[in-house]
Amino acid sequence: MIIPEYFKQNLELEINVFDHPVNVEYRFWWPGKKDNGKDPMFGHVEFRSDSEIISETGYRSHFFYTDYLKETPYRNINEFVQALAEHFAKEMGYEPPGHGSQLRMF
């Protein structure tokens, strides 16, 4: 099995994690692309936020094995980094709002 091509890029994006904006720098080619034609062993994701949603400082660095992307359920980079960020937020004690806790106005 091979890594899908859509993961083989470096990308900056903004996501929302439990209604908190988070800037993400996804780097499949970390620290940079090599000319040997092989996929790197590790990729890197940096998360930055003005809130403490992902860490006490608002910054989180995460390295991952690129082989994980061979059989991943994620269909794009956004889904992958969103899942990572939500995992880190839960580690910090955040939980998504429940369906019954939303206010309705008539």
C-alpha atoms as a PDB file:
ATOM      1  CA  MET A   1       0.000   0.000   0.000  1.00  0.00           C
ATOM      2  CA  ILE A   2       1.255   3.491  -0.804  1.00  0.00           C
ATOM      3  CA  ILE A   3       0.676   6.867   0.803  1.00  0.00           C
ATOM      4  CA  PRO A   4      -2.030   8.811  -1.088  1.00  0.00           C
ATOM      5  CA  GLU A   5      -0.584  11.704  -3.087  1.00  0.00           C
ATOM      6  CA  TYR A   6      -2.828  14.299  -1.413  1.00  0.00           C
ATOM      7  CA  PHE A   7      -0.848  13.831   1.821  1.00  0.00           C
ATOM      8  CA  LYS A   8       2.485  14.508   0.080  1.00  0.00           C
ATOM      9  CA  GLN A   9       2.620  18.257   0.446  1.00  0.00           C
ATOM     10  CA  ASN A  10       3.413  21.016   2.903  1.00  0.00           C
ATOM     11  CA  LEU A  11       0.410  23.138   3.776  1.00  0.00           C
ATOM     12  CA  GLU A  12      -0.726  25.910   6.128  1.00  0.00           C
ATOM     13  CA  LEU A  13      -4.388  26.004   7.097  1.00  0.00           C
ATOM     14  CA  GLU A  14      -6.788  27.170   9.782  1.00  0.00           C
ATOM     15  CA  ILE A  15      -9.200  24.836  11.535  1.00  0.00           C
ATOM     16  CA  ASN A  16     -11.725  25.202  14.358  1.00  0.00           C
ATOM     17  CA  VAL A  17     -11.354  22.922  17.354  1.00  0.00           C
ATOM     18  CA  PHE A  18     -14.445  23.033  19.557  1.00  0.00           C
ATOM     19  CA  ASP A  19     -15.093  26.615  18.347  1.00  0.00           C
ATOM     20  CA  HIS A  20     -11.486  27.749  18.908  1.00  0.00           C
ATOM     21  CA  PRO A  21      -9.488  28.832  15.828  1.00  0.00           C
ATOM     22  CA  VAL A  22      -6.201  26.981  15.405  1.00  0.00           C
ATOM     23  CA  ASN A  23      -3.512  27.665  12.803  1.00  0.00           C
ATOM     24  CA  VAL A  24      -1.850  24.532  11.473  1.00  0.00           C
ATOM     25  CA  GLU A  25       1.367  23.977   9.569  1.00  0.00           C
ATOM     26  CA  TYR A  26       1.374  20.470   8.088  1.00  0.00           C
ATOM     27  CA  ARG A  27       4.703  19.285   6.680  1.00  0.00           C
ATOM     28  CA  PHE A  28       4.895  15.911   4.984  1.00  0.00           C
ATOM     29  CA  TRP A  29       8.343  16.906   3.734  1.00  0.00           C
ATOM     30  CA  TRP A  30      10.067  17.746   7.018  1.00  0.00           C
ATOM     31  CA  PRO A  31      12.450  19.467   7.294  1.00  0.00           C
ATOM     32  CA  GLY A  32      12.473  19.659   3.486  1.00  0.00           C
ATOM     33  CA  LYS A  33      11.968  17.519   0.401  1.00  0.00           C
ATOM     34  CA  LYS A  34      14.922  15.329  -0.538  1.00  0.00           C
ATOM     35  CA  ASP A  35      15.839  14.394  -4.089  1.00  0.00           C
ATOM     36  CA  ASN A  36      16.243  10.663  -3.413  1.00  0.00           C
ATOM     37  CA  GLY A  37      12.672   9.888  -4.554  1.00  0.00           C
ATOM     38  CA  LYS A  38      11.730   8.228  -1.266  1.00  0.00           C
ATOM     39  CA  ASP A  39       9.004   9.268   1.144  1.00  0.00           C
ATOM     40  CA  PRO A  40      10.285  10.631   4.469  1.00  0.00           C
ATOM     41  CA  MET A  41      10.038   8.505   7.606  1.00  0.00           C
ATOM     42  CA  PHE A  42       8.536  11.339   9.681  1.00  0.00           C
ATOM     43  CA  GLY A  43       6.187  14.229   9.021  1.00  0.00           C
ATOM     44  CA  HIS A  44       5.516  17.176  11.296  1.00  0.00           C
ATOM     45  CA  VAL A  45       2.480  19.207  12.336  1.00  0.00           C
ATOM     46  CA  GLU A  46       2.547  22.479  14.299  1.00  0.00           C
ATOM     47  CA  PHE A  47      -0.575  23.844  15.959  1.00  0.00           C
ATOM     48  CA  ARG A  48      -0.878  27.470  17.146  1.00  0.00           C
ATOM     49  CA  SER A  49      -3.824  29.063  18.903  1.00  0.00           C
ATOM     50  CA  ASP A  50      -4.554  32.134  21.017  1.00  0.00           C
ATOM     51  CA  SER A  51      -6.478  29.864  23.400  1.00  0.00           C
ATOM     52  CA  GLU A  52      -5.239  26.955  25.514  1.00  0.00           C
ATOM     53  CA  ILE A  53      -7.326  24.460  23.524  1.00  0.00           C
ATOM     54  CA  ILE A  54      -4.366  22.344  22.383  1.00  0.00           C
ATOM     55  CA  SER A  55      -1.790  23.139  25.086  1.00  0.00           C
ATOM     56  CA  GLU A  56      -1.173  25.469  28.012  1.00  0.00           C
ATOM     57  CA  THR A  57       0.947  27.707  25.782  1.00  0.00           C
ATOM     58  CA  GLY A  58      -1.266  27.591  22.687  1.00  0.00           C
ATOM     59  CA  TYR A  59       1.498  25.807  20.745  1.00  0.00           C
ATOM     60  CA  ARG A  60       1.823  22.101  20.016  1.00  0.00           C
ATOM     61  CA  SER A  61       4.400  20.303  17.894  1.00  0.00           C
ATOM     62  CA  HIS A  62       3.735  16.742  16.743  1.00  0.00           C
ATOM     63  CA  PHE A  63       5.850  14.334  14.693  1.00  0.00           C
ATOM     64  CA  PHE A  64       4.185  11.356  13.038  1.00  0.00           C
ATOM     65  CA  TYR A  65       5.322   8.306  11.092  1.00  0.00           C
ATOM     66  CA  THR A  66       4.382   8.858   7.464  1.00  0.00           C
ATOM     67  CA  ASP A  67       3.675   5.114   7.119  1.00  0.00           C
ATOM     68  CA  TYR A  68       0.547   5.760   9.209  1.00  0.00           C
ATOM     69  CA  LEU A  69      -0.902   7.544   6.177  1.00  0.00           C
ATOM     70  CA  LYS A  70      -0.781   4.359   4.065  1.00  0.00           C
ATOM     71  CA  GLU A  71      -3.952   2.902   5.553  1.00  0.00           C
ATOM     72  CA  THR A  72      -5.475   5.953   7.170  1.00  0.00           C
ATOM     73  CA  PRO A  73      -9.241   6.524   7.193  1.00  0.00           C
ATOM     74  CA  TYR A  74      -8.695  10.253   6.537  1.00  0.00           C
ATOM     75  CA  ARG A  75      -9.631  11.487   3.071  1.00  0.00           C
ATOM     76  CA  ASN A  76      -7.568  14.675   3.214  1.00  0.00           C
ATOM     77  CA  ILE A  77      -5.099  16.665   5.292  1.00  0.00           C
ATOM     78  CA  ASN A  78      -7.859  18.703   6.955  1.00  0.00           C
ATOM     79  CA  GLU A  79      -9.492  15.579   8.409  1.00  0.00           C
ATOM     80  CA  PHE A  80      -6.128  14.284   9.630  1.00  0.00           C
ATOM     81  CA  VAL A  81      -5.025  17.474  11.410  1.00  0.00           C
ATOM     82  CA  GLN A  82      -8.563  18.060  12.758  1.00  0.00           C
ATOM     83  CA  ALA A  83      -8.540  14.625  14.400  1.00  0.00           C
ATOM     84  CA  LEU A  84      -5.082  15.268  15.888  1.00  0.00           C
ATOM     85  CA  ALA A  85      -6.125  18.675  17.239  1.00  0.00           C
ATOM     86  CA  GLU A  86      -9.332  17.294  18.781  1.00  0.00           C
ATOM     87  CA  HIS A  87      -7.304  14.522  20.414  1.00  0.00           C
ATOM     88  CA  PHE A  88      -4.929  17.107  21.925  1.00  0.00           C
ATOM     89  CA  ALA A  89      -7.886  19.246  23.073  1.00  0.00           C
ATOM     90  CA  LYS A  90      -9.394  16.243  24.865  1.00  0.00           C
ATOM     91  CA  GLU A  91      -6.022  15.652  26.538  1.00  0.00           C
ATOM     92  CA  MET A  92      -6.328  19.238  27.812  1.00  0.00           C
ATOM     93  CA  GLY A  93      -9.794  18.473  29.247  1.00  0.00           C
ATOM     94  CA  TYR A  94     -12.002  19.941  26.506  1.00  0.00           C
ATOM     95  CA  GLU A  95     -15.046  18.055  25.309  1.00  0.00           C
ATOM     96  CA  PRO A  96     -17.312  18.819  22.368  1.00  0.00           C
ATOM     97  CA  PRO A  97     -20.687  20.279  23.349  1.00  0.00           C
ATOM     98  CA  GLY A  98     -23.421  17.676  23.693  1.00  0.00           C
ATOM     99  CA  HIS A  99     -26.475  17.768  21.470  1.00  0.00           C
ATOM    100  CA  GLY A 100     -28.787  18.517  24.395  1.00  0.00           C
ATOM    101  CA  SER A 101     -26.745  21.452  25.686  1.00  0.00           C
ATOM    102  CA  GLN A 102     -27.364  23.729  22.720  1.00  0.00           C
ATOM    103  CA  LEU A 103     -29.714  26.658  23.186  1.00  0.00           C
ATOM    104  CA  ARG A 104     -32.671  27.153  20.886  1.00  0.00           C
ATOM    105  CA  MET A 105     -34.442  30.412  20.338  1.00  0.00           C
ATOM    106  CA  PHE A 106     -37.966  30.584  18.955  1.00  0.00           C
END
